[in-house]
Structure formats: C-alpha cells, structure tokens
C-alpha atoms as a PDB file:
ATOM      1  CA  UNK A   1     -16.359  29.733  22.489  1.00  0.00           C
ATOM      2  CA  UNK A   2     -15.366  31.448  19.331  1.00  0.00           C
ATOM      3  CA  UNK A   3     -11.550  32.527  18.958  1.00  0.00           C
ATOM      4  CA  UNK A   4     -10.933  36.175  17.955  1.00  0.00           C
ATOM      5  CA  UNK A   5      -8.303  38.243  16.126  1.00  0.00           C
ATOM      6  CA  UNK A   6      -4.821  38.185  17.887  1.00  0.00           C
ATOM      7  CA  UNK A   7      -5.739  35.110  19.876  1.00  0.00           C
ATOM      8  CA  UNK A   8      -2.765  32.263  19.782  1.00  0.00           C
ATOM      9  CA  UNK A   9      -3.502  29.388  17.748  1.00  0.00           C
ATOM     10  CA  UNK A  10      -3.933  25.915  19.583  1.00  0.00           C
ATOM     11  CA  UNK A  11      -1.514  23.189  18.574  1.00  0.00           C
ATOM     12  CA  UNK A  12      -3.167  20.707  16.103  1.00  0.00           C
ATOM     13  CA  UNK A  13      -2.079  16.977  16.109  1.00  0.00           C
ATOM     14  CA  UNK A  14      -4.401  14.914  13.958  1.00  0.00           C
ATOM     15  CA  UNK A  15      -4.017  12.009  11.303  1.00  0.00           C
ATOM     16  CA  UNK A  16      -3.827  13.015   7.682  1.00  0.00           C
ATOM     17  CA  UNK A  17      -5.065  11.316   4.619  1.00  0.00           C
ATOM     18  CA  UNK A  18      -1.458  10.498   3.666  1.00  0.00           C
ATOM     19  CA  UNK A  19      -1.181   8.267   6.476  1.00  0.00           C
ATOM     20  CA  UNK A  20       1.017  10.540   8.559  1.00  0.00           C
ATOM     21  CA  UNK A  21       0.096  12.379  11.964  1.00  0.00           C
ATOM     22  CA  UNK A  22       0.163  16.072  11.061  1.00  0.00           C
ATOM     23  CA  UNK A  23       1.375  18.444  13.921  1.00  0.00           C
ATOM     24  CA  UNK A  24       0.905  22.230  13.373  1.00  0.00           C
ATOM     25  CA  UNK A  25       4.265  22.636  14.845  1.00  0.00           C
ATOM     26  CA  UNK A  26       5.745  21.854  11.526  1.00  0.00           C
ATOM     27  CA  UNK A  27       4.338  24.963   9.908  1.00  0.00           C
ATOM     28  CA  UNK A  28       5.309  27.389  12.712  1.00  0.00           C
ATOM     29  CA  UNK A  29       6.820  30.610  11.277  1.00  0.00           C
ATOM     30  CA  UNK A  30       4.747  30.441   8.159  1.00  0.00           C
ATOM     31  CA  UNK A  31       1.648  32.150   7.350  1.00  0.00           C
ATOM     32  CA  UNK A  32      -1.312  29.738   7.228  1.00  0.00           C
ATOM     33  CA  UNK A  33      -5.039  29.204   6.728  1.00  0.00           C
ATOM     34  CA  UNK A  34      -6.728  26.687   8.973  1.00  0.00           C
ATOM     35  CA  UNK A  35     -10.048  25.787   7.405  1.00  0.00           C
ATOM     36  CA  UNK A  36     -12.545  23.578   9.332  1.00  0.00           C
ATOM     37  CA  UNK A  37     -15.077  21.832   7.232  1.00  0.00           C
ATOM     38  CA  UNK A  38     -18.094  19.851   7.406  1.00  0.00           C
ATOM     39  CA  UNK A  39     -18.311  15.916   6.781  1.00  0.00           C
ATOM     40  CA  UNK A  40     -16.112  14.361   4.122  1.00  0.00           C
ATOM     41  CA  UNK A  41     -18.662  13.893   1.399  1.00  0.00           C
ATOM     42  CA  UNK A  42     -20.043  17.637   1.697  1.00  0.00           C
ATOM     43  CA  UNK A  43     -20.427  19.114  -1.732  1.00  0.00           C
ATOM     44  CA  UNK A  44     -19.629  22.713  -0.633  1.00  0.00           C
ATOM     45  CA  UNK A  45     -16.532  21.376   1.239  1.00  0.00           C
ATOM     46  CA  UNK A  46     -15.175  19.280  -1.619  1.00  0.00           C
ATOM     47  CA  UNK A  47     -15.888  22.174  -4.029  1.00  0.00           C
ATOM     48  CA  UNK A  48     -13.815  24.402  -1.829  1.00  0.00           C
ATOM     49  CA  UNK A  49     -11.127  21.995  -1.582  1.00  0.00           C
ATOM     50  CA  UNK A  50     -11.098  21.522  -5.344  1.00  0.00           C
ATOM     51  CA  UNK A  51     -10.623  25.201  -5.775  1.00  0.00           C
ATOM     52  CA  UNK A  52      -8.054  25.824  -3.058  1.00  0.00           C
ATOM     53  CA  UNK A  53      -5.993  23.172  -4.669  1.00  0.00           C
ATOM     54  CA  UNK A  54      -6.551  24.745  -8.134  1.00  0.00           C
ATOM     55  CA  UNK A  55      -5.363  28.226  -7.022  1.00  0.00           C
ATOM     56  CA  UNK A  56      -2.720  27.210  -4.397  1.00  0.00           C
ATOM     57  CA  UNK A  57      -0.115  28.528  -6.478  1.00  0.00           C
ATOM     58  CA  UNK A  58      -1.532  32.064  -6.240  1.00  0.00           C
ATOM     59  CA  UNK A  59      -0.815  32.256  -2.554  1.00  0.00           C
ATOM     60  CA  UNK A  60       2.978  32.184  -2.794  1.00  0.00           C
ATOM     61  CA  UNK A  61       5.659  29.852  -1.854  1.00  0.00           C
ATOM     62  CA  UNK A  62       5.609  30.233   2.153  1.00  0.00           C
ATOM     63  CA  UNK A  63       1.910  29.910   2.686  1.00  0.00           C
ATOM     64  CA  UNK A  64       0.325  26.714   3.354  1.00  0.00           C
ATOM     65  CA  UNK A  65      -3.392  25.499   4.286  1.00  0.00           C
ATOM     66  CA  UNK A  66      -4.467  23.029   6.952  1.00  0.00           C
ATOM     67  CA  UNK A  67      -7.892  21.314   6.197  1.00  0.00           C
ATOM     68  CA  UNK A  68      -9.691  19.710   8.711  1.00  0.00           C
ATOM     69  CA  UNK A  69     -12.838  17.453   8.377  1.00  0.00           C
ATOM     70  CA  UNK A  70     -15.661  16.296  10.808  1.00  0.00           C
ATOM     71  CA  UNK A  71     -15.328  12.641   9.565  1.00  0.00           C
ATOM     72  CA  UNK A  72     -13.605   9.474  10.077  1.00  0.00           C
ATOM     73  CA  UNK A  73     -10.424   8.943   8.342  1.00  0.00           C
ATOM     74  CA  UNK A  74     -11.546   5.942   6.270  1.00  0.00           C
ATOM     75  CA  UNK A  75     -14.602   8.175   4.796  1.00  0.00           C
ATOM     76  CA  UNK A  76     -12.472  11.200   4.671  1.00  0.00           C
ATOM     77  CA  UNK A  77      -9.545   9.416   2.544  1.00  0.00           C
ATOM     78  CA  UNK A  78     -12.315   7.995   0.272  1.00  0.00           C
ATOM     79  CA  UNK A  79     -13.783  11.453  -0.519  1.00  0.00           C
ATOM     80  CA  UNK A  80     -10.743  13.693  -0.550  1.00  0.00           C
ATOM     81  CA  UNK A  81      -7.542  11.672  -1.946  1.00  0.00           C
ATOM     82  CA  UNK A  82      -8.560  12.464  -5.488  1.00  0.00           C
ATOM     83  CA  UNK A  83      -7.948  16.292  -4.934  1.00  0.00           C
ATOM     84  CA  UNK A  84      -4.179  15.507  -4.505  1.00  0.00           C
ATOM     85  CA  UNK A  85      -3.997  18.541  -2.182  1.00  0.00           C
ATOM     86  CA  UNK A  86      -0.558  20.074  -1.661  1.00  0.00           C
ATOM     87  CA  UNK A  87      -1.673  20.712   1.679  1.00  0.00           C
ATOM     88  CA  UNK A  88      -2.618  18.431   4.668  1.00  0.00           C
ATOM     89  CA  UNK A  89      -6.123  17.310   5.072  1.00  0.00           C
ATOM     90  CA  UNK A  90      -7.003  16.041   8.348  1.00  0.00           C
ATOM     91  CA  UNK A  91      -9.736  14.008  10.153  1.00  0.00           C
ATOM     92  CA  UNK A  92     -11.230  15.037  13.458  1.00  0.00           C
ATOM     93  CA  UNK A  93     -13.497  12.320  13.986  1.00  0.00           C
ATOM     94  CA  UNK A  94     -13.919  13.026  17.850  1.00  0.00           C
ATOM     95  CA  UNK A  95     -14.284  16.781  17.145  1.00  0.00           C
ATOM     96  CA  UNK A  96     -11.457  17.656  19.589  1.00  0.00           C
ATOM     97  CA  UNK A  97     -10.240  20.557  17.708  1.00  0.00           C
ATOM     98  CA  UNK A  98     -13.621  21.430  16.629  1.00  0.00           C
ATOM     99  CA  UNK A  99     -14.600  22.079  20.450  1.00  0.00           C
ATOM    100  CA  UNK A 100     -11.128  24.056  20.979  1.00  0.00           C
ATOM    101  CA  UNK A 101     -11.458  26.275  17.954  1.00  0.00           C
ATOM    102  CA  UNK A 102     -15.200  27.261  18.784  1.00  0.00           C
ATOM    103  CA  UNK A 103     -16.767  25.704  15.754  1.00  0.00           C
ATOM    104  CA  UNK A 104     -20.315  25.858  15.833  1.00  0.00           C
ATOM    105  CA  UNK A 105     -23.467  23.661  14.580  1.00  0.00           C
ATOM    106  CA  UNK A 106     -26.510  25.328  13.217  1.00  0.00           C
ATOM    107  CA  UNK A 107     -29.600  23.591  11.554  1.00  0.00           C
ATOM    108  CA  UNK A 108     -30.623  26.995  10.249  1.00  0.00           C
ATOM    109  CA  UNK A 109     -27.199  27.600   8.780  1.00  0.00           C
ATOM    110  CA  UNK A 110     -27.550  24.196   6.891  1.00  0.00           C
ATOM    111  CA  UNK A 111     -30.804  25.172   5.464  1.00  0.00           C
ATOM    112  CA  UNK A 112     -29.807  28.463   4.345  1.00  0.00           C
ATOM    113  CA  UNK A 113     -26.741  27.165   2.729  1.00  0.00           C
ATOM    114  CA  UNK A 114     -28.858  24.569   0.740  1.00  0.00           C
ATOM    115  CA  UNK A 115     -31.461  27.048  -0.398  1.00  0.00           C
ATOM    116  CA  UNK A 116     -29.352  30.281  -0.817  1.00  0.00           C
ATOM    117  CA  UNK A 117     -26.424  28.597  -2.394  1.00  0.00           C
ATOM    118  CA  UNK A 118     -28.282  26.119  -4.623  1.00  0.00           C
ATOM    119  CA  UNK A 119     -26.095  26.829  -7.735  1.00  0.00           C
ATOM    120  CA  UNK A 120     -22.741  26.249  -5.709  1.00  0.00           C
ATOM    121  CA  UNK A 121     -24.440  23.042  -4.289  1.00  0.00           C
ATOM    122  CA  UNK A 122     -25.357  21.859  -7.791  1.00  0.00           C
ATOM    123  CA  UNK A 123     -21.849  22.679  -9.251  1.00  0.00           C
ATOM    124  CA  UNK A 124     -20.341  20.679  -6.629  1.00  0.00           C
ATOM    125  CA  UNK A 125     -22.620  17.734  -7.050  1.00  0.00           C
ATOM    126  CA  UNK A 126     -21.979  17.861 -10.874  1.00  0.00           C
ATOM    127  CA  UNK A 127     -18.275  17.691 -10.267  1.00  0.00           C
ATOM    128  CA  UNK A 128     -19.065  14.366  -8.729  1.00  0.00           C
ATOM    129  CA  UNK A 129     -19.178  15.396  -4.979  1.00  0.00           C
ATOM    130  CA  UNK A 130     -22.479  13.890  -3.987  1.00  0.00           C
ATOM    131  CA  UNK A 131     -23.070  13.137  -0.512  1.00  0.00           C
ATOM    132  CA  UNK A 132     -24.081   9.471  -0.738  1.00  0.00           C
ATOM    133  CA  UNK A 133     -22.233   8.517   2.649  1.00  0.00           C
ATOM    134  CA  UNK A 134     -22.481  11.110   5.540  1.00  0.00           C
ATOM    135  CA  UNK A 135     -20.119  10.401   8.451  1.00  0.00           C
ATOM    136  CA  UNK A 136     -19.860  13.384  10.461  1.00  0.00           C
ATOM    137  CA  UNK A 137     -22.419  16.181  11.340  1.00  0.00           C
ATOM    138  CA  UNK A 138     -24.495  17.891   8.731  1.00  0.00           C
ATOM    139  CA  UNK A 139     -25.016  20.870  10.879  1.00  0.00           C
ATOM    140  CA  UNK A 140     -21.216  21.790  11.217  1.00  0.00           C
ATOM    141  CA  UNK A 141     -20.719  25.337  10.004  1.00  0.00           C
ATOM    142  CA  UNK A 142     -17.318  26.027   8.294  1.00  0.00           C
ATOM    143  CA  UNK A 143     -14.565  28.272   9.753  1.00  0.00           C
ATOM    144  CA  UNK A 144     -11.489  29.951   8.256  1.00  0.00           C
ATOM    145  CA  UNK A 145      -8.553  31.397  10.265  1.00  0.00           C
ATOM    146  CA  UNK A 146      -5.852  33.239   8.539  1.00  0.00           C
ATOM    147  CA  UNK A 147      -2.678  32.883  11.013  1.00  0.00           C
ATOM    148  CA  UNK A 148       0.568  35.145  10.801  1.00  0.00           C
ATOM    149  CA  UNK A 149       4.036  33.907  11.281  1.00  0.00           C
ATOM    150  CA  UNK A 150       3.782  34.247  15.088  1.00  0.00           C
ATOM    151  CA  UNK A 151       1.039  32.041  15.448  1.00  0.00           C
ATOM    152  CA  UNK A 152      -1.576  34.759  15.981  1.00  0.00           C
ATOM    153  CA  UNK A 153      -5.115  34.696  14.282  1.00  0.00           C
ATOM    154  CA  UNK A 154      -5.372  37.732  11.959  1.00  0.00           C
ATOM    155  CA  UNK A 155      -8.981  36.809  10.578  1.00  0.00           C
ATOM    156  CA  UNK A 156     -11.407  34.376  12.252  1.00  0.00           C
ATOM    157  CA  UNK A 157     -14.381  33.881   9.836  1.00  0.00           C
ATOM    158  CA  UNK A 158     -17.079  31.782  11.171  1.00  0.00           C
ATOM    159  CA  UNK A 159     -19.356  30.829   8.309  1.00  0.00           C
ATOM    160  CA  UNK A 160     -22.947  31.840   8.683  1.00  0.00           C
ATOM    161  CA  UNK A 161     -24.185  29.061   6.358  1.00  0.00           C
ATOM    162  CA  UNK A 162     -22.402  25.603   5.180  1.00  0.00           C
ATOM    163  CA  UNK A 163     -20.908  27.284   1.940  1.00  0.00           C
ATOM    164  CA  UNK A 164     -19.593  30.481   3.806  1.00  0.00           C
ATOM    165  CA  UNK A 165     -15.820  30.934   3.662  1.00  0.00           C
ATOM    166  CA  UNK A 166     -13.389  33.623   3.172  1.00  0.00           C
ATOM    167  CA  UNK A 167     -12.914  35.178  -0.295  1.00  0.00           C
ATOM    168  CA  UNK A 168      -9.911  33.989  -2.366  1.00  0.00           C
ATOM    169  CA  UNK A 169      -9.078  37.696  -2.763  1.00  0.00           C
ATOM    170  CA  UNK A 170      -8.626  38.144   1.038  1.00  0.00           C
ATOM    171  CA  UNK A 171      -6.615  34.799   1.354  1.00  0.00           C
ATOM    172  CA  UNK A 172      -4.480  35.818  -1.474  1.00  0.00           C
ATOM    173  CA  UNK A 173      -3.980  39.312  -0.012  1.00  0.00           C
ATOM    174  CA  UNK A 174      -2.872  37.807   3.307  1.00  0.00           C
ATOM    175  CA  UNK A 175      -0.678  35.206   1.988  1.00  0.00           C
ATOM    176  CA  UNK A 176       1.076  37.458  -0.216  1.00  0.00           C
ATOM    177  CA  UNK A 177       1.543  40.335   2.234  1.00  0.00           C
END
C-alpha cells in the first residue's frame, strides 16, 4: 500500500556499503529524501545516484539523502562504491522496506522506461553503468519521498517507469525551504 503525504516515515535499519548498519533515527530532525531504487547495476539508478552526488551541495548543509537498492550487499557495493556518495547507500535484499513503503513492480513500467527514456538509458550505459549482473528485480519501480524535520512525508513520488524520479528543482526547493 502506497504511503501518502503527511504519513509518518517508518524506521529504516539496513546495511550500508561502508560496512555500517544505518538507522534512520540518526537523521531525525533533518529534512531528508528517501529514494528507493531498482537493482544495483541499473543504468537509470546509477546515473541518478551520480547526479545526486554531483549536485549534493545544492541541497544545503542540513539535508541528506538515503538511497536504498533492491540488491544484495556484495553486488550493491561493487556497483555503487565508485560514486563516493556523501549519503548512505543501503541494501534491502529481502525487500523488507520495499514492502513497508509500498514500492511497486511493473513490467509495463520497465518497458516504458526502456523505450521512452532510451537517451537516458544510453547516457547511463556510456558512463559505464552497464547491467551485466542483475541481482534484484528488474520490474521494481523507483520511489522518492521528501520528509520534513518531524518525520512527515511531504512528497511521495511513485515512479511510473524505471527512470521516473522527482525533479532536482523540486528536491532543491524542499531542501532549501
């Protein structure tokens, strides 16, 4: 079941690629974005993480991002350590939080993304994000949540296809408000 605006976030406790166990209590009182991604080698997902890392300073000092992937840790670390993200990248191999947050699967959404976002897919692949090893579901749809300092969801963006995320302008406006 999808989460909606003004719902409280559910606590997240997952392994991070830096070897730690991340607990969302550590970011209580901060505005955050929780992004649920597909499998670790997804070109769309890695291109998005690359862009979030590159533009992270635009979001202000108090804002952070939590990136969660539908992948086992070994595969996630292999595909995302090179990003050197200033935010946690987490593995939810069992999909525990994907279920709690109402993350959906769509074969049609996967196909729509591949065809209608072909330039983005190719851009990701040219940057080296080639999905040779797929561990996780190819049909997972991405989701972005913007959460205020009190832990309330202010925006719940459930992607319609595999490359559908909140715009940077919307994230930046929220982070700097």
